[in-house]
């Protein structure tokens, strides 16, 4: 089993971002959705990113169902990728607009899919990367609850031409089980390595990356 690429999401402090990069994070996620407890202003996020010794890491702007004009404004700040959460009932034309603004190769799509619904294949053409998070009827990610690993593994097998990112409640205690169940090549760490929302616990980060690099 290979070591997966890791995105550390919900970064709000420069010291947390630098620690994540030093441990080997491939991506840092900045949540620009104001209802999130990990919200950060887009300009502030870009300021933090600019002060980091980035190495090979890349930035990910995370938002929920943004108006295309808002997405274009965020794009102008220079983020590398855009992770957009949205209801599975969203008009494909809106998702197409996002793809046209930032490019499918830079778009990470995270449709919120109720357990009773099939995966919305109509969105596949618009993004090269798809993220599966834990379903919640009233939240878009950030629940801290473990996602459906079996569903993720099935989707990754059905659509191998896309990049799949496993998110949802991943922590040092369950990373190996998650990877064994899904063979995920890309994972998202957030609440499972925090002391409180938006504040990363550096010991937990160290433990998570140590497990990945020493036991895989």
C-alpha atoms as a PDB file:
ATOM      1  CA  UNK A   1       0.000   0.000   0.000  1.00  0.00           C
ATOM      2  CA  UNK A   2       1.431   3.357  -1.016  1.00  0.00           C
ATOM      3  CA  UNK A   3       1.491   6.448   1.157  1.00  0.00           C
ATOM      4  CA  UNK A   4      -1.456   8.631   0.095  1.00  0.00           C
ATOM      5  CA  UNK A   5      -1.333  12.303  -0.707  1.00  0.00           C
ATOM      6  CA  UNK A   6      -2.624  14.241   2.296  1.00  0.00           C
ATOM      7  CA  UNK A   7      -4.644  17.439   2.385  1.00  0.00           C
ATOM      8  CA  UNK A   8      -4.746  19.189   5.739  1.00  0.00           C
ATOM      9  CA  UNK A   9      -7.959  21.191   5.677  1.00  0.00           C
ATOM     10  CA  UNK A  10      -9.434  23.945   7.809  1.00  0.00           C
ATOM     11  CA  UNK A  11      -6.147  25.821   8.191  1.00  0.00           C
ATOM     12  CA  UNK A  12      -6.588  29.191   9.906  1.00  0.00           C
ATOM     13  CA  UNK A  13      -3.090  29.800  11.317  1.00  0.00           C
ATOM     14  CA  UNK A  14       0.296  30.165   9.656  1.00  0.00           C
ATOM     15  CA  UNK A  15       2.010  27.914  12.208  1.00  0.00           C
ATOM     16  CA  UNK A  16      -0.431  25.081  11.525  1.00  0.00           C
ATOM     17  CA  UNK A  17       0.053  25.368   7.794  1.00  0.00           C
ATOM     18  CA  UNK A  18       3.825  25.356   8.103  1.00  0.00           C
ATOM     19  CA  UNK A  19       3.763  22.339  10.403  1.00  0.00           C
ATOM     20  CA  UNK A  20       1.543  20.420   7.986  1.00  0.00           C
ATOM     21  CA  UNK A  21       3.889  21.178   5.090  1.00  0.00           C
ATOM     22  CA  UNK A  22       6.940  20.180   7.117  1.00  0.00           C
ATOM     23  CA  UNK A  23       5.314  16.819   7.855  1.00  0.00           C
ATOM     24  CA  UNK A  24       4.624  16.169   4.193  1.00  0.00           C
ATOM     25  CA  UNK A  25       1.162  17.544   3.412  1.00  0.00           C
ATOM     26  CA  UNK A  26       0.566  17.833  -0.331  1.00  0.00           C
ATOM     27  CA  UNK A  27      -2.296  20.314   0.029  1.00  0.00           C
ATOM     28  CA  UNK A  28      -3.535  22.890   2.522  1.00  0.00           C
ATOM     29  CA  UNK A  29      -7.253  23.647   2.536  1.00  0.00           C
ATOM     30  CA  UNK A  30      -8.671  27.047   3.498  1.00  0.00           C
ATOM     31  CA  UNK A  31     -12.414  27.083   4.197  1.00  0.00           C
ATOM     32  CA  UNK A  32     -14.013  30.244   2.797  1.00  0.00           C
ATOM     33  CA  UNK A  33     -17.603  29.291   3.671  1.00  0.00           C
ATOM     34  CA  UNK A  34     -18.715  31.732   6.366  1.00  0.00           C
ATOM     35  CA  UNK A  35     -21.029  29.296   8.169  1.00  0.00           C
ATOM     36  CA  UNK A  36     -18.101  26.979   8.926  1.00  0.00           C
ATOM     37  CA  UNK A  37     -16.433  27.121  12.366  1.00  0.00           C
ATOM     38  CA  UNK A  38     -13.166  26.953  10.396  1.00  0.00           C
ATOM     39  CA  UNK A  39     -14.013  29.933   8.203  1.00  0.00           C
ATOM     40  CA  UNK A  40     -11.228  32.239   7.119  1.00  0.00           C
ATOM     41  CA  UNK A  41     -11.485  35.348   4.965  1.00  0.00           C
ATOM     42  CA  UNK A  42     -10.196  34.663   1.430  1.00  0.00           C
ATOM     43  CA  UNK A  43      -7.704  37.537   1.566  1.00  0.00           C
ATOM     44  CA  UNK A  44      -6.412  36.388   4.954  1.00  0.00           C
ATOM     45  CA  UNK A  45      -6.085  32.821   3.686  1.00  0.00           C
ATOM     46  CA  UNK A  46      -4.109  33.997   0.699  1.00  0.00           C
ATOM     47  CA  UNK A  47      -1.928  36.067   3.016  1.00  0.00           C
ATOM     48  CA  UNK A  48      -1.124  33.051   5.173  1.00  0.00           C
ATOM     49  CA  UNK A  49      -0.360  30.944   2.124  1.00  0.00           C
ATOM     50  CA  UNK A  50       2.010  33.581   0.796  1.00  0.00           C
ATOM     51  CA  UNK A  51       4.057  33.550   4.017  1.00  0.00           C
ATOM     52  CA  UNK A  52       4.594  29.788   4.047  1.00  0.00           C
ATOM     53  CA  UNK A  53       7.595  27.871   2.836  1.00  0.00           C
ATOM     54  CA  UNK A  54       5.348  26.001   0.432  1.00  0.00           C
ATOM     55  CA  UNK A  55       7.751  23.532  -1.151  1.00  0.00           C
ATOM     56  CA  UNK A  56       5.673  21.189  -3.284  1.00  0.00           C
ATOM     57  CA  UNK A  57       2.430  21.799  -1.365  1.00  0.00           C
ATOM     58  CA  UNK A  58      -0.526  23.429  -3.088  1.00  0.00           C
ATOM     59  CA  UNK A  59      -3.419  25.536  -1.835  1.00  0.00           C
ATOM     60  CA  UNK A  60      -7.093  24.554  -1.961  1.00  0.00           C
ATOM     61  CA  UNK A  61      -9.898  27.097  -1.566  1.00  0.00           C
ATOM     62  CA  UNK A  62     -12.939  25.374  -0.052  1.00  0.00           C
ATOM     63  CA  UNK A  63     -16.434  26.816  -0.462  1.00  0.00           C
ATOM     64  CA  UNK A  64     -20.092  25.796  -0.621  1.00  0.00           C
ATOM     65  CA  UNK A  65     -22.187  26.338  -3.762  1.00  0.00           C
ATOM     66  CA  UNK A  66     -20.576  29.682  -4.639  1.00  0.00           C
ATOM     67  CA  UNK A  67     -22.089  32.136  -7.048  1.00  0.00           C
ATOM     68  CA  UNK A  68     -19.965  32.059 -10.228  1.00  0.00           C
ATOM     69  CA  UNK A  69     -19.005  35.708  -9.725  1.00  0.00           C
ATOM     70  CA  UNK A  70     -17.760  34.913  -6.221  1.00  0.00           C
ATOM     71  CA  UNK A  71     -15.782  31.949  -7.529  1.00  0.00           C
ATOM     72  CA  UNK A  72     -14.163  34.141 -10.174  1.00  0.00           C
ATOM     73  CA  UNK A  73     -13.152  36.634  -7.470  1.00  0.00           C
ATOM     74  CA  UNK A  74     -11.650  33.859  -5.328  1.00  0.00           C
ATOM     75  CA  UNK A  75      -9.842  32.525  -8.390  1.00  0.00           C
ATOM     76  CA  UNK A  76      -8.227  35.923  -8.888  1.00  0.00           C
ATOM     77  CA  UNK A  77      -6.466  35.534  -5.523  1.00  0.00           C
ATOM     78  CA  UNK A  78      -4.293  32.775  -6.917  1.00  0.00           C
ATOM     79  CA  UNK A  79      -5.347  29.560  -5.176  1.00  0.00           C
ATOM     80  CA  UNK A  80      -4.188  26.372  -6.885  1.00  0.00           C
ATOM     81  CA  UNK A  81      -7.385  24.307  -6.536  1.00  0.00           C
ATOM     82  CA  UNK A  82     -11.041  24.812  -5.637  1.00  0.00           C
ATOM     83  CA  UNK A  83     -13.016  22.299  -3.548  1.00  0.00           C
ATOM     84  CA  UNK A  84     -16.714  23.021  -3.917  1.00  0.00           C
ATOM     85  CA  UNK A  85     -19.435  21.352  -1.857  1.00  0.00           C
ATOM     86  CA  UNK A  86     -22.997  21.498  -3.167  1.00  0.00           C
ATOM     87  CA  UNK A  87     -26.347  19.654  -3.043  1.00  0.00           C
ATOM     88  CA  UNK A  88     -26.647  16.710  -5.413  1.00  0.00           C
ATOM     89  CA  UNK A  89     -29.759  18.412  -6.822  1.00  0.00           C
ATOM     90  CA  UNK A  90     -27.697  21.361  -8.124  1.00  0.00           C
ATOM     91  CA  UNK A  91     -28.300  22.299 -11.757  1.00  0.00           C
ATOM     92  CA  UNK A  92     -25.429  20.810 -13.815  1.00  0.00           C
ATOM     93  CA  UNK A  93     -25.234  24.104 -15.713  1.00  0.00           C
ATOM     94  CA  UNK A  94     -24.056  25.823 -12.524  1.00  0.00           C
ATOM     95  CA  UNK A  95     -21.360  23.205 -12.008  1.00  0.00           C
ATOM     96  CA  UNK A  96     -20.398  23.613 -15.653  1.00  0.00           C
ATOM     97  CA  UNK A  97     -19.933  27.350 -15.032  1.00  0.00           C
ATOM     98  CA  UNK A  98     -17.563  26.613 -12.134  1.00  0.00           C
ATOM     99  CA  UNK A  99     -15.579  24.308 -14.377  1.00  0.00           C
ATOM    100  CA  UNK A 100     -15.351  26.966 -17.075  1.00  0.00           C
ATOM    101  CA  UNK A 101     -14.135  29.565 -14.570  1.00  0.00           C
ATOM    102  CA  UNK A 102     -11.312  27.584 -12.951  1.00  0.00           C
ATOM    103  CA  UNK A 103     -10.855  24.588 -15.274  1.00  0.00           C
ATOM    104  CA  UNK A 104     -11.809  20.960 -14.640  1.00  0.00           C
ATOM    105  CA  UNK A 105      -8.203  20.133 -13.758  1.00  0.00           C
ATOM    106  CA  UNK A 106      -8.337  22.549 -10.796  1.00  0.00           C
ATOM    107  CA  UNK A 107     -11.837  21.693  -9.601  1.00  0.00           C
ATOM    108  CA  UNK A 108     -12.530  19.278  -6.726  1.00  0.00           C
ATOM    109  CA  UNK A 109     -16.252  18.513  -6.654  1.00  0.00           C
ATOM    110  CA  UNK A 110     -17.934  17.344  -3.442  1.00  0.00           C
ATOM    111  CA  UNK A 111     -21.637  16.721  -4.097  1.00  0.00           C
ATOM    112  CA  UNK A 112     -23.653  16.048  -0.929  1.00  0.00           C
ATOM    113  CA  UNK A 113     -25.376  12.758  -1.678  1.00  0.00           C
ATOM    114  CA  UNK A 114     -28.065  11.284   0.602  1.00  0.00           C
ATOM    115  CA  UNK A 115     -27.405   7.582   1.333  1.00  0.00           C
ATOM    116  CA  UNK A 116     -30.543   6.602  -0.581  1.00  0.00           C
ATOM    117  CA  UNK A 117     -29.420   8.313  -3.810  1.00  0.00           C
ATOM    118  CA  UNK A 118     -27.046   7.032  -6.516  1.00  0.00           C
ATOM    119  CA  UNK A 119     -23.909   8.964  -7.367  1.00  0.00           C
ATOM    120  CA  UNK A 120     -24.826  11.903  -9.678  1.00  0.00           C
ATOM    121  CA  UNK A 121     -22.832  10.932 -12.757  1.00  0.00           C
ATOM    122  CA  UNK A 122     -23.938  14.097 -14.582  1.00  0.00           C
ATOM    123  CA  UNK A 123     -21.216  15.992 -12.687  1.00  0.00           C
ATOM    124  CA  UNK A 124     -18.335  13.767 -13.766  1.00  0.00           C
ATOM    125  CA  UNK A 125     -17.338  15.781 -16.867  1.00  0.00           C
ATOM    126  CA  UNK A 126     -16.848  18.996 -14.915  1.00  0.00           C
ATOM    127  CA  UNK A 127     -14.075  18.103 -12.467  1.00  0.00           C
ATOM    128  CA  UNK A 128     -10.988  15.909 -12.473  1.00  0.00           C
ATOM    129  CA  UNK A 129     -11.193  15.332  -8.706  1.00  0.00           C
ATOM    130  CA  UNK A 130     -14.077  14.240  -6.474  1.00  0.00           C
ATOM    131  CA  UNK A 131     -14.160  14.328  -2.695  1.00  0.00           C
ATOM    132  CA  UNK A 132     -16.453  12.170  -0.597  1.00  0.00           C
ATOM    133  CA  UNK A 133     -17.287  13.488   2.849  1.00  0.00           C
ATOM    134  CA  UNK A 134     -19.685  12.258   5.515  1.00  0.00           C
ATOM    135  CA  UNK A 135     -23.314  12.921   4.632  1.00  0.00           C
ATOM    136  CA  UNK A 136     -25.213  15.266   6.917  1.00  0.00           C
ATOM    137  CA  UNK A 137     -28.679  16.663   6.130  1.00  0.00           C
ATOM    138  CA  UNK A 138     -27.779  20.104   7.516  1.00  0.00           C
ATOM    139  CA  UNK A 139     -24.001  20.427   6.985  1.00  0.00           C
ATOM    140  CA  UNK A 140     -21.520  20.365   4.135  1.00  0.00           C
ATOM    141  CA  UNK A 141     -18.612  18.431   5.642  1.00  0.00           C
ATOM    142  CA  UNK A 142     -16.897  19.232   8.906  1.00  0.00           C
ATOM    143  CA  UNK A 143     -19.025  16.819  10.920  1.00  0.00           C
ATOM    144  CA  UNK A 144     -16.150  14.833  12.393  1.00  0.00           C
ATOM    145  CA  UNK A 145     -18.085  11.660  11.623  1.00  0.00           C
ATOM    146  CA  UNK A 146     -16.590   8.828   9.594  1.00  0.00           C
ATOM    147  CA  UNK A 147     -17.798   8.628   6.003  1.00  0.00           C
ATOM    148  CA  UNK A 148     -19.011   5.564   4.087  1.00  0.00           C
ATOM    149  CA  UNK A 149     -15.774   3.798   3.209  1.00  0.00           C
ATOM    150  CA  UNK A 150     -17.469   1.051   1.224  1.00  0.00           C
ATOM    151  CA  UNK A 151     -19.242   3.587  -0.976  1.00  0.00           C
ATOM    152  CA  UNK A 152     -15.961   5.405  -1.562  1.00  0.00           C
ATOM    153  CA  UNK A 153     -14.187   2.210  -2.604  1.00  0.00           C
ATOM    154  CA  UNK A 154     -16.982   1.381  -5.034  1.00  0.00           C
ATOM    155  CA  UNK A 155     -16.919   4.843  -6.629  1.00  0.00           C
ATOM    156  CA  UNK A 156     -13.141   4.805  -6.925  1.00  0.00           C
ATOM    157  CA  UNK A 157     -13.352   1.443  -8.683  1.00  0.00           C
ATOM    158  CA  UNK A 158     -16.219   2.479 -10.980  1.00  0.00           C
ATOM    159  CA  UNK A 159     -14.631   5.756 -12.056  1.00  0.00           C
ATOM    160  CA  UNK A 160     -10.860   5.190 -11.949  1.00  0.00           C
ATOM    161  CA  UNK A 161     -10.282   7.986 -14.462  1.00  0.00           C
ATOM    162  CA  UNK A 162     -11.050  10.507 -11.717  1.00  0.00           C
ATOM    163  CA  UNK A 163      -9.027  11.364  -8.616  1.00  0.00           C
ATOM    164  CA  UNK A 164     -10.917  10.435  -5.429  1.00  0.00           C
ATOM    165  CA  UNK A 165     -10.283  12.083  -2.056  1.00  0.00           C
ATOM    166  CA  UNK A 166     -11.473  10.368   1.121  1.00  0.00           C
ATOM    167  CA  UNK A 167     -12.666  12.741   3.849  1.00  0.00           C
ATOM    168  CA  UNK A 168     -14.763  12.523   6.982  1.00  0.00           C
ATOM    169  CA  UNK A 169     -13.599  11.886  10.537  1.00  0.00           C
ATOM    170  CA  UNK A 170     -10.116  10.634   9.651  1.00  0.00           C
ATOM    171  CA  UNK A 171      -7.749  10.627  12.626  1.00  0.00           C
ATOM    172  CA  UNK A 172      -4.574   8.850  13.757  1.00  0.00           C
ATOM    173  CA  UNK A 173      -6.740   6.134  15.315  1.00  0.00           C
ATOM    174  CA  UNK A 174      -8.500   5.088  12.118  1.00  0.00           C
ATOM    175  CA  UNK A 175      -6.279   6.101   9.185  1.00  0.00           C
ATOM    176  CA  UNK A 176      -4.875   2.623   8.619  1.00  0.00           C
ATOM    177  CA  UNK A 177      -8.331   1.023   8.778  1.00  0.00           C
ATOM    178  CA  UNK A 178      -9.650   3.607   6.308  1.00  0.00           C
ATOM    179  CA  UNK A 179      -6.837   2.979   3.856  1.00  0.00           C
ATOM    180  CA  UNK A 180      -7.185  -0.783   4.194  1.00  0.00           C
ATOM    181  CA  UNK A 181     -10.910  -0.531   3.443  1.00  0.00           C
ATOM    182  CA  UNK A 182     -10.657   1.921   0.549  1.00  0.00           C
ATOM    183  CA  UNK A 183      -7.128   1.865  -0.929  1.00  0.00           C
ATOM    184  CA  UNK A 184      -7.504   5.650  -1.099  1.00  0.00           C
ATOM    185  CA  UNK A 185      -4.601   7.465  -2.745  1.00  0.00           C
ATOM    186  CA  UNK A 186      -5.717  10.862  -1.443  1.00  0.00           C
ATOM    187  CA  UNK A 187      -7.048  11.678   2.040  1.00  0.00           C
ATOM    188  CA  UNK A 188      -8.330  14.762   3.815  1.00  0.00           C
ATOM    189  CA  UNK A 189      -7.457  15.429   7.472  1.00  0.00           C
ATOM    190  CA  UNK A 190      -9.330  18.054   9.428  1.00  0.00           C
ATOM    191  CA  UNK A 191     -11.264  17.606  12.690  1.00  0.00           C
ATOM    192  CA  UNK A 192      -9.346  14.451  13.624  1.00  0.00           C
ATOM    193  CA  UNK A 193      -6.120  16.432  14.052  1.00  0.00           C
ATOM    194  CA  UNK A 194      -7.569  19.449  15.891  1.00  0.00           C
ATOM    195  CA  UNK A 195      -7.699  20.655  19.477  1.00  0.00           C
ATOM    196  CA  UNK A 196     -10.688  22.811  18.519  1.00  0.00           C
ATOM    197  CA  UNK A 197     -12.249  23.857  15.195  1.00  0.00           C
ATOM    198  CA  UNK A 198      -9.666  25.657  13.108  1.00  0.00           C
ATOM    199  CA  UNK A 199      -6.828  25.004  15.575  1.00  0.00           C
ATOM    200  CA  UNK A 200      -4.615  22.071  14.645  1.00  0.00           C
ATOM    201  CA  UNK A 201      -3.084  19.879  17.339  1.00  0.00           C
ATOM    202  CA  UNK A 202       0.516  19.521  16.253  1.00  0.00           C
ATOM    203  CA  UNK A 203       1.013  16.288  18.210  1.00  0.00           C
ATOM    204  CA  UNK A 204      -1.978  14.732  16.458  1.00  0.00           C
ATOM    205  CA  UNK A 205      -0.644  15.914  13.105  1.00  0.00           C
ATOM    206  CA  UNK A 206       2.743  14.400  13.872  1.00  0.00           C
ATOM    207  CA  UNK A 207       1.136  11.119  14.889  1.00  0.00           C
ATOM    208  CA  UNK A 208      -1.008  10.929  11.756  1.00  0.00           C
ATOM    209  CA  UNK A 209       1.895  11.522   9.392  1.00  0.00           C
ATOM    210  CA  UNK A 210       4.137   9.190  11.380  1.00  0.00           C
ATOM    211  CA  UNK A 211       1.604   6.394  11.001  1.00  0.00           C
ATOM    212  CA  UNK A 212       1.360   7.014   7.259  1.00  0.00           C
ATOM    213  CA  UNK A 213       5.091   7.082   6.647  1.00  0.00           C
ATOM    214  CA  UNK A 214       6.190   4.370   9.068  1.00  0.00           C
ATOM    215  CA  UNK A 215       3.420   1.776   8.767  1.00  0.00           C
ATOM    216  CA  UNK A 216       2.658   1.831   5.041  1.00  0.00           C
END
